Protein backbone atom coordinates (compact mmCIF):
# COMPACT_ATOMS: atom_id res chain seq x y z
CA MET A 1 8.48 16.34 16.86
CA HIS A 2 9.02 20.18 16.75
CA THR A 3 6.63 22.80 18.43
CA VAL A 4 4.98 26.74 17.69
CA ALA A 5 7.62 28.06 20.51
CA GLN A 6 10.53 26.74 18.50
CA LEU A 7 9.06 28.55 15.96
CA VAL A 8 8.09 31.98 17.72
CA SER A 9 11.66 31.73 19.47
CA GLY A 10 13.36 31.82 15.72
CA GLU A 11 14.58 28.41 16.98
CA LEU A 12 13.99 26.51 13.77
CA THR A 13 15.63 28.73 11.68
CA ASP A 14 15.75 27.66 8.18
CA ILE A 15 14.96 24.24 8.30
CA LYS A 16 13.53 22.21 5.35
CA ARG A 17 11.10 19.88 7.85
CA LEU A 18 8.38 20.94 9.92
CA ALA A 19 6.23 18.29 12.05
CA ILE A 20 3.92 19.69 14.77
CA SER A 21 1.27 18.49 16.35
CA GLU A 22 0.04 20.36 19.19
CA ASN A 23 -3.77 19.96 19.47
CA LEU A 24 -4.00 22.77 17.36
CA THR A 25 -6.99 24.40 16.04
CA SER A 26 -5.75 27.06 14.34
CA PHE A 27 -3.26 27.15 11.43
CA PRO A 28 0.11 29.18 13.36
CA MET A 29 1.43 31.52 10.29
CA GLU A 30 4.70 31.54 12.59
CA ILE A 31 5.06 28.77 9.90
CA LEU A 32 4.84 31.13 6.77
CA SER A 33 9.04 32.66 8.24
CA LEU A 34 10.14 29.69 7.02
CA ALA A 35 8.77 30.17 3.65
CA GLU A 36 12.32 30.46 2.03
CA SER A 37 13.23 26.46 2.69
CA LEU A 38 10.48 24.66 4.25
CA GLU A 39 9.62 21.78 1.65
CA VAL A 40 8.09 19.17 3.79
CA LEU A 41 5.26 20.60 6.39
CA ASP A 42 3.08 17.51 8.72
CA LEU A 43 0.61 19.30 10.43
CA SER A 44 -0.80 15.39 11.29
CA GLY A 45 -2.69 14.41 14.68
CA ASN A 46 -4.23 17.76 15.45
CA ARG A 47 -8.16 19.08 15.05
CA LEU A 48 -7.53 21.73 12.17
CA THR A 49 -9.94 22.11 9.47
CA SER A 50 -8.90 24.91 7.01
CA LEU A 51 -5.35 26.09 5.83
CA PRO A 52 -5.02 29.89 5.14
CA ALA A 53 -4.66 31.34 1.88
CA GLU A 54 -0.88 32.51 2.67
CA LEU A 55 -0.08 29.06 2.39
CA VAL A 56 1.34 29.62 -0.96
CA GLU A 57 3.77 31.72 0.32
CA LEU A 58 5.24 29.09 1.02
CA LYS A 59 7.08 28.74 -2.50
CA ASN A 60 9.37 25.65 -1.47
CA LEU A 61 6.91 23.69 -0.36
CA LYS A 62 6.60 20.08 -1.62
CA ILE A 63 5.47 17.86 0.71
CA ILE A 64 2.64 18.05 3.25
CA PHE A 65 0.88 15.63 5.70
CA VAL A 66 -1.88 16.59 7.33
CA SER A 67 -3.57 13.32 8.69
CA ASN A 68 -5.66 12.82 11.59
CA ASN A 69 -7.52 16.41 11.41
CA CYS A 70 -10.82 17.33 10.46
CA PHE A 71 -10.96 19.11 7.03
CA GLU A 72 -14.72 17.89 5.62
CA THR A 73 -13.24 20.29 2.07
CA LEU A 74 -9.33 19.52 0.67
CA PRO A 75 -8.44 23.12 0.73
CA GLU A 76 -8.09 24.57 -2.61
CA VAL A 77 -4.96 26.82 -1.68
CA LEU A 78 -3.17 23.51 -2.45
CA GLY A 79 -3.52 23.58 -5.80
CA GLN A 80 -1.73 27.09 -5.87
CA CYS A 81 1.45 25.56 -4.03
CA GLU A 82 3.60 25.78 -7.51
CA LYS A 83 6.25 23.21 -5.94
CA LEU A 84 3.74 21.09 -3.87
CA GLU A 85 3.93 17.52 -5.70
CA MET A 86 2.81 15.17 -2.50
CA ILE A 87 -0.44 15.73 -0.04
CA GLY A 88 -1.28 13.69 2.98
CA PHE A 89 -5.04 14.00 4.19
CA LYS A 90 -5.52 10.83 5.14
CA SER A 91 -7.97 10.25 8.15
CA ASN A 92 -10.09 13.48 7.88
CA ARG A 93 -14.06 13.74 7.24
CA ILE A 94 -13.51 14.93 3.65
CA LYS A 95 -16.46 14.77 1.36
CA HIS A 96 -15.46 17.08 -1.23
CA VAL A 97 -12.70 17.22 -3.38
CA PRO A 98 -12.39 20.73 -5.81
CA ALA A 99 -10.86 20.31 -9.05
CA ALA A 100 -8.82 23.61 -7.75
CA ALA A 101 -7.56 21.65 -4.76
CA LEU A 102 -4.83 19.98 -6.91
CA PRO A 103 -1.60 21.41 -7.88
CA ALA A 104 -0.34 20.85 -11.44
CA LYS A 105 2.52 19.04 -10.04
CA LEU A 106 1.06 16.45 -8.00
CA ARG A 107 2.95 13.24 -7.65
CA TRP A 108 1.11 11.00 -5.31
CA LEU A 109 -2.25 12.16 -3.74
CA ILE A 110 -3.26 9.82 -0.53
CA LEU A 111 -6.57 10.68 0.78
CA THR A 112 -7.33 7.10 2.57
CA ASP A 113 -10.49 6.66 5.08
CA ASN A 114 -12.34 9.74 5.17
CA GLN A 115 -16.16 9.87 3.02
CA ILE A 116 -15.36 11.35 -0.70
CA GLU A 117 -18.31 10.27 -3.16
CA ALA A 118 -16.68 11.42 -5.64
CA LEU A 119 -13.32 12.93 -7.57
CA PRO A 120 -12.62 16.21 -10.05
CA ASP A 121 -12.28 14.72 -13.60
CA SER A 122 -9.06 17.21 -13.11
CA LEU A 123 -7.21 14.19 -11.04
CA GLY A 124 -6.45 11.99 -14.58
CA GLU A 125 -5.34 15.69 -15.69
CA ARG A 126 -2.09 15.39 -13.29
CA PRO A 127 0.53 13.66 -15.91
CA ARG A 128 3.09 12.90 -13.28
CA LEU A 129 0.54 11.59 -10.43
CA GLN A 130 2.33 8.36 -9.58
CA LYS A 131 0.45 6.90 -6.17
CA LEU A 132 -2.90 7.43 -5.44
CA ALA A 133 -4.59 6.40 -2.26
CA LEU A 134 -8.06 6.21 -1.93
CA ALA A 135 -9.49 3.10 0.40
CA GLY A 136 -11.65 3.79 2.53
CA ASN A 137 -14.16 6.74 0.98
CA GLN A 138 -17.25 6.17 -0.81
CA LEU A 139 -16.43 6.59 -3.64
CA GLN A 140 -19.24 4.74 -6.63
CA HIS A 141 -17.32 5.59 -9.83
CA LEU A 142 -13.99 7.08 -10.42
CA PRO A 143 -13.25 9.73 -13.31
CA ALA A 144 -12.77 8.41 -16.84
CA THR A 145 -9.99 10.84 -16.77
CA LEU A 146 -8.02 8.21 -14.66
CA SER A 147 -7.04 6.46 -18.07
CA GLN A 148 -5.05 9.29 -19.41
CA ALA A 149 -2.88 8.90 -16.08
CA SER A 150 0.19 7.32 -18.00
CA ASN A 151 2.29 7.76 -15.01
CA LEU A 152 0.52 5.81 -12.69
CA GLU A 153 1.96 3.24 -11.45
CA LEU A 154 0.67 1.97 -7.74
CA VAL A 155 -3.40 2.42 -6.33
CA ARG A 156 -5.55 1.71 -3.64
CA ILE A 157 -9.04 1.96 -3.67
CA SER A 158 -10.05 -1.02 -1.76
CA ALA A 159 -13.11 0.09 0.92
CA ASN A 160 -15.43 1.75 -1.37
CA GLN A 161 -18.55 1.74 -3.38
CA LEU A 162 -17.55 1.01 -6.86
CA THR A 163 -20.21 -1.12 -8.02
CA GLU A 164 -18.04 -1.80 -11.69
CA CYS A 165 -14.22 -2.70 -12.46
CA PRO A 166 -12.02 0.70 -13.00
CA ASP A 167 -11.65 0.03 -16.86
CA GLN A 168 -9.74 3.00 -17.11
CA LEU A 169 -7.32 1.51 -14.55
CA LEU A 170 -6.93 -2.04 -16.23
CA ASP A 171 -4.76 -0.61 -19.31
CA LEU A 172 -2.81 1.96 -17.98
CA PRO A 173 0.74 1.40 -19.40
CA LYS A 174 2.96 1.77 -15.53
CA LEU A 175 0.37 0.93 -13.30
CA ALA A 176 2.13 -1.94 -11.29
CA TRP A 177 0.57 -2.13 -7.31
CA LEU A 178 -3.51 -1.89 -7.46
CA ALA A 179 -5.65 -3.00 -4.62
CA PHE A 180 -9.18 -2.89 -5.05
CA SER A 181 -10.66 -5.54 -2.61
CA GLY A 182 -13.84 -4.48 -0.27
CA ASN A 183 -16.06 -3.01 -3.38
CA PRO A 184 -19.54 -4.52 -4.56
CA PHE A 185 -18.05 -5.67 -7.96
CA CYS A 186 -15.85 -7.86 -6.67
CA ARG A 187 -17.42 -9.31 -3.86
CA SER A 188 -18.32 -12.88 -3.94
CA GLU A 189 -20.45 -15.70 -1.99
CA MET A 190 -17.06 -17.68 -2.44
CA THR A 191 -16.27 -19.70 0.82
CA THR A 192 -11.84 -19.12 1.60
CA ALA A 193 -11.99 -20.75 4.72
CA SER A 194 -9.76 -23.22 4.65
CA VAL A 195 -7.76 -23.80 7.94
CA PRO A 196 -10.00 -24.12 11.91
CA SER A 197 -10.72 -21.78 13.75
CA LEU A 198 -10.31 -20.87 17.03
CA PRO A 199 -10.47 -18.71 19.95
CA ALA A 200 -8.52 -16.00 21.11
CA ASN A 201 -7.54 -17.63 24.44
CA SER A 202 -6.22 -20.42 23.16
CA TYR A 203 -3.53 -18.57 23.25
CA TYR A 204 -0.87 -15.76 24.35
CA LEU A 205 0.94 -13.21 22.37
CA LEU A 206 5.05 -12.51 22.93
CA GLU A 207 7.23 -10.34 21.90
CA THR A 208 6.43 -7.82 18.94
CA LEU A 209 7.93 -9.48 15.19
CA GLY A 210 6.26 -6.37 13.15
CA GLN A 211 3.80 -4.13 12.15
CA GLY A 212 2.10 -2.20 9.49
CA ALA A 213 -0.72 -1.19 7.73
CA SER A 214 -3.21 -3.80 8.40
CA GLY A 215 -1.95 -5.00 11.66
CA VAL A 216 0.76 -6.34 14.61
CA ILE A 217 2.00 -9.92 14.49
CA SER A 218 3.62 -11.48 17.50
CA GLU A 219 5.65 -14.19 18.62
CA ALA A 220 2.68 -16.38 20.55
CA ALA A 221 2.36 -19.58 22.50
CA TRP A 222 -0.65 -21.62 23.47
CA HIS A 223 -2.49 -22.04 26.76
CA GLN A 224 -3.55 -25.26 25.33
CA LYS A 225 -2.02 -26.18 22.24
CA PRO A 226 -4.33 -27.84 20.02
CA GLN A 227 -3.81 -31.30 18.12
CA GLY A 228 -1.51 -31.17 15.47
CA PHE A 229 -0.31 -27.66 16.07
CA PRO A 230 3.31 -26.21 16.73
CA ASP A 231 4.61 -25.61 19.66
CA LYS A 232 4.96 -21.44 19.06
CA VAL A 233 3.17 -19.55 16.26
CA ALA A 234 2.81 -16.28 14.68
CA VAL A 235 -0.42 -14.27 15.23
CA LYS A 236 -1.24 -11.52 13.46
CA VAL A 237 -3.63 -9.11 15.04
CA PHE A 238 -5.88 -7.21 12.50
CA LYS A 239 -6.28 -2.80 13.83
CA GLY A 240 -9.00 -1.34 12.98
CA SER A 241 -11.50 -1.35 10.43
CA VAL A 242 -9.80 -0.26 7.75
CA THR A 243 -6.60 -0.12 6.47
CA SER A 244 -4.55 1.98 3.86
CA ASP A 245 -4.58 -1.00 2.29
CA GLY A 246 -8.67 -2.29 2.17
CA TYR A 247 -10.74 -4.54 5.31
CA PRO A 248 -9.09 -6.82 7.35
CA GLU A 249 -11.29 -8.79 6.55
CA ASP A 250 -10.31 -8.98 2.72
CA GLU A 251 -6.86 -9.68 3.76
CA LEU A 252 -7.51 -12.82 5.37
CA GLN A 253 -9.99 -14.23 2.99
CA ALA A 254 -6.78 -13.53 0.40
CA CYS A 255 -4.38 -15.06 1.99
CA LEU A 256 -6.70 -18.48 3.18
CA LYS A 257 -7.67 -18.05 -0.63
CA ALA A 258 -3.71 -17.55 -1.38
CA GLY A 259 -3.44 -21.55 -0.80
CA ASP A 260 -0.58 -23.46 0.01
CA HIS A 261 3.08 -22.93 -1.44
CA PRO A 262 6.44 -22.63 -0.34
CA ASN A 263 7.67 -20.01 -0.76
CA LEU A 264 3.81 -18.15 1.46
CA ILE A 265 3.58 -17.95 4.82
CA ARG A 266 1.74 -20.66 5.50
CA PRO A 267 -1.72 -20.15 7.35
CA LEU A 268 -2.94 -22.24 10.20
CA ALA A 269 -6.02 -21.16 11.93
CA GLU A 270 -8.08 -17.66 11.70
CA VAL A 271 -9.66 -16.28 14.70
CA ASN A 272 -13.02 -14.37 14.23
CA GLU A 273 -14.46 -12.94 17.86
CA GLN A 274 -16.45 -9.81 18.18
CA GLY A 275 -14.08 -6.90 17.70
CA TYR A 276 -11.39 -9.08 17.29
CA LEU A 277 -9.88 -11.17 14.33
CA ALA A 278 -6.27 -12.52 13.90
CA LEU A 279 -4.78 -14.92 11.60
CA ILE A 280 -3.05 -17.36 13.06
CA MET A 281 0.69 -18.57 11.49
CA GLU A 282 3.88 -20.87 11.06
CA LEU A 283 6.36 -18.61 13.27
CA ILE A 284 9.08 -18.07 10.79
CA PRO A 285 12.49 -18.84 11.42
CA ALA A 286 14.74 -16.03 12.90
CA HIS A 287 17.85 -16.46 10.52
CA TYR A 288 15.03 -15.09 8.06
CA ARG A 289 15.71 -11.20 7.18
CA ASN A 290 13.89 -8.63 4.82
CA LEU A 291 15.33 -8.32 1.35
CA GLY A 292 14.66 -4.59 1.32
CA LEU A 293 13.39 -1.67 2.51
CA PRO A 294 10.07 0.31 1.65
CA PRO A 295 9.64 2.92 -0.26
CA THR A 296 10.90 6.27 0.28
CA LEU A 297 9.70 9.97 -0.55
CA GLN A 298 11.72 10.71 -3.10
CA SER A 299 11.60 6.97 -4.33
CA CYS A 300 7.36 7.14 -4.10
CA THR A 301 6.88 3.25 -5.65
CA ARG A 302 9.91 1.83 -5.43
CA ASP A 303 12.04 0.01 -2.56
CA THR A 304 15.10 0.96 -1.29
CA PHE A 305 18.13 -1.21 0.27
CA PRO A 306 20.90 -0.62 2.44
CA GLU A 307 23.65 1.38 0.96
CA ASP A 308 26.30 -1.43 1.59
CA PHE A 309 23.95 -3.99 -0.23
CA SER A 310 24.11 -6.19 -2.99
CA LEU A 311 23.74 -9.69 -4.14
CA GLY A 312 25.44 -11.94 -6.77
CA VAL A 313 23.85 -12.63 -9.57
CA SER A 314 23.52 -16.03 -9.06
CA GLN A 315 22.03 -15.07 -5.62
CA ILE A 316 19.46 -12.77 -7.65
CA GLY A 317 17.99 -15.52 -10.08
CA LYS A 318 17.53 -18.20 -7.13
CA ILE A 319 15.25 -15.64 -5.78
CA VAL A 320 13.73 -14.54 -8.84
CA GLN A 321 12.90 -17.86 -9.99
CA GLN A 322 10.99 -18.36 -6.52
CA MET A 323 8.90 -15.35 -6.59
CA GLU A 324 8.10 -15.98 -10.89
CA SER A 325 6.60 -19.65 -8.55
CA VAL A 326 4.77 -17.97 -6.41
CA PHE A 327 3.11 -14.90 -9.04
CA GLU A 328 2.15 -17.83 -10.89
CA HIS A 329 0.62 -20.17 -7.81
CA LEU A 330 -1.28 -16.36 -6.58
CA HIS A 331 -2.93 -15.93 -10.44
CA ALA A 332 -3.74 -19.55 -10.54
CA ASN A 333 -6.15 -19.03 -7.70
CA HIS A 334 -7.34 -15.41 -8.43
CA VAL A 335 -5.29 -13.61 -6.43
CA CYS A 336 -3.31 -10.15 -6.75
CA HIS A 337 -0.89 -9.32 -4.06
CA GLY A 338 -1.18 -5.61 -5.21
CA ASP A 339 1.76 -5.30 -3.12
CA LEU A 340 5.33 -7.90 -4.45
CA TYR A 341 7.94 -6.24 -3.69
CA ALA A 342 11.05 -6.81 -2.54
CA HIS A 343 10.87 -5.53 1.48
CA ASN A 344 7.39 -7.36 1.37
CA THR A 345 9.79 -10.67 0.83
CA LEU A 346 11.97 -12.22 3.31
CA VAL A 347 15.21 -14.11 2.54
CA ASN A 348 17.67 -16.08 4.06
CA GLU A 349 21.24 -17.29 4.12
CA SER A 350 20.58 -19.78 1.43
CA ASN A 351 18.34 -17.45 -0.20
CA GLU A 352 15.63 -19.19 -0.05
CA ILE A 353 12.22 -16.45 -0.10
CA ILE A 354 9.18 -16.27 2.01
CA PHE A 355 6.59 -13.92 1.11
CA GLY A 356 3.80 -12.75 2.67
CA ASP A 357 1.80 -9.10 3.57
CA PHE A 358 -1.74 -9.39 2.50
CA GLY A 359 -2.76 -6.16 3.35
CA ALA A 360 -3.40 -4.77 -0.42
CA ALA A 361 -4.70 -8.43 -1.86
CA SER A 362 -7.72 -8.69 -3.94
CA MET A 363 -9.56 -11.97 -5.29
CA TYR A 364 -10.98 -11.45 -8.57
CA HIS A 365 -11.85 -15.04 -9.25
CA MET A 366 -15.65 -12.85 -10.31
CA LEU A 367 -14.43 -10.54 -13.48
CA THR A 368 -14.98 -10.84 -16.64
CA GLU A 369 -11.91 -13.35 -18.60
CA ASN A 370 -10.60 -9.69 -20.17
CA GLN A 371 -10.21 -8.17 -16.78
CA LYS A 372 -8.72 -11.42 -15.53
CA LYS A 373 -5.97 -10.95 -18.01
CA LEU A 374 -5.35 -7.31 -17.51
CA ILE A 375 -4.99 -7.67 -13.64
CA ARG A 376 -2.37 -10.67 -14.33
CA ARG A 377 -0.67 -7.91 -16.59
CA ILE A 378 -0.96 -5.18 -13.76
CA GLU A 379 0.94 -7.63 -11.05
CA ARG A 380 3.60 -8.61 -14.22
CA ARG A 381 4.53 -5.33 -13.87
CA ALA A 382 5.33 -5.20 -10.12
CA LEU A 383 7.22 -8.98 -11.18
CA VAL A 384 9.06 -7.17 -13.28
CA ASN A 385 10.26 -3.94 -11.50
CA PHE A 386 11.49 -6.61 -8.19
CA ILE A 387 13.59 -8.21 -10.22
CA GLU A 388 14.69 -4.56 -12.01
CA ASP A 389 15.41 -3.54 -8.40
CA LEU A 390 17.37 -6.39 -7.28
CA LEU A 391 19.54 -6.02 -10.48
CA SER A 392 19.88 -2.52 -9.16
CA ILE A 393 22.07 -3.62 -6.48
CA CYS A 394 23.99 -6.55 -8.21
CA LYS A 395 27.81 -6.85 -7.43
CA ALA A 396 29.67 -4.92 -10.00
CA GLU A 397 31.37 -8.14 -11.76
CA ASP A 398 28.51 -9.90 -12.51
CA LYS A 399 26.80 -7.57 -14.19
CA LEU A 400 28.80 -8.76 -17.47
CA SER A 401 27.74 -12.60 -16.96
CA PRO A 402 25.22 -14.40 -19.03
CA GLU A 403 22.78 -14.85 -16.15
CA PHE A 404 22.70 -10.82 -15.97
CA THR A 405 21.71 -10.63 -19.62
CA LYS A 406 19.20 -13.19 -19.18
CA LEU A 407 17.56 -11.54 -16.17
CA SER A 408 17.85 -8.29 -17.99
CA LEU A 409 15.44 -9.83 -20.85
CA LEU A 410 13.07 -11.00 -17.60
CA SER A 411 12.42 -6.60 -16.47
CA ARG A 412 11.48 -5.98 -19.87
């Protein structure tokens, strides 16, 4: 994190990335002194309501994050920044998105948790658009022009007011990760609860095991163990009323609807009390580790891996076989995971996997037969990308093997 004082002193001359969070109410014009070098600007966590017209002087600006501020309109000056391709205005008060605010090179747009009711048709006229995060708004429809967004790969439209399934998305050629729960068009009276409900005071939390957009997972032990439960469990405590992927309640219900599978994290109980929602799960053994790392700003939608990490082709084959089984199981239960990635997959030394994180999951049993078919096809692309990403880290000596060739055919 940087400060305005550092800018004024000249200490930050020629830097490419700048992040300032100082409860700012106006844009620090000193930032313009970085016009020749600045590529990434992060002004999240301030109280800004506008950006100056002079922002265009930052001629190399590619990425801007202004989350958790007070904007009511997406600034039109953004559309005049020639190299700008990534915009993040999560958790503001945005109601209006002018067509002029969308730059020609737009690749990644994050407008999660705002108050947007409609989007301009020009959104579908941005040919480089790959990632679109719109969860937690008041959208009643999406632009029909999104049917032209042929490079769109990841979409989050959960927790909106969409009354019809956005068919303009379902035929997109590259769309692989789609989250749409929490909209009127996919609400259902189906009861999915298949586990007991327990009080929050029945357990106590121990060490934190991990956290994501929707909640914090901790190891837990019982004050008084319910009959038939293991001594220690994992508890995911959901945070907030809406996350970057949708409503926590929808995540919990999708996880329960998915049912039991040997390669899925097994839910044991739920906690649903005033202001407190949690899922109690089996504790995953400590020797499991993440198979991959999340996408970066550069990879956008694709997983990454440590530089020195590789897998043999037989290891990849075993992992893929298990994930294909998970895929078939989820879609037999009409659950679209929405986040089928290596970074959401745990693996042990025997290459046995456990797949989880239902934050972007959506139930789709209420859709038409054709829509169901298209949803399944969308997530099949995510599975293909998963295989392709693993093959990219296959050991060099295995890349000429028949098994590699066979797996390569699956990724086409």
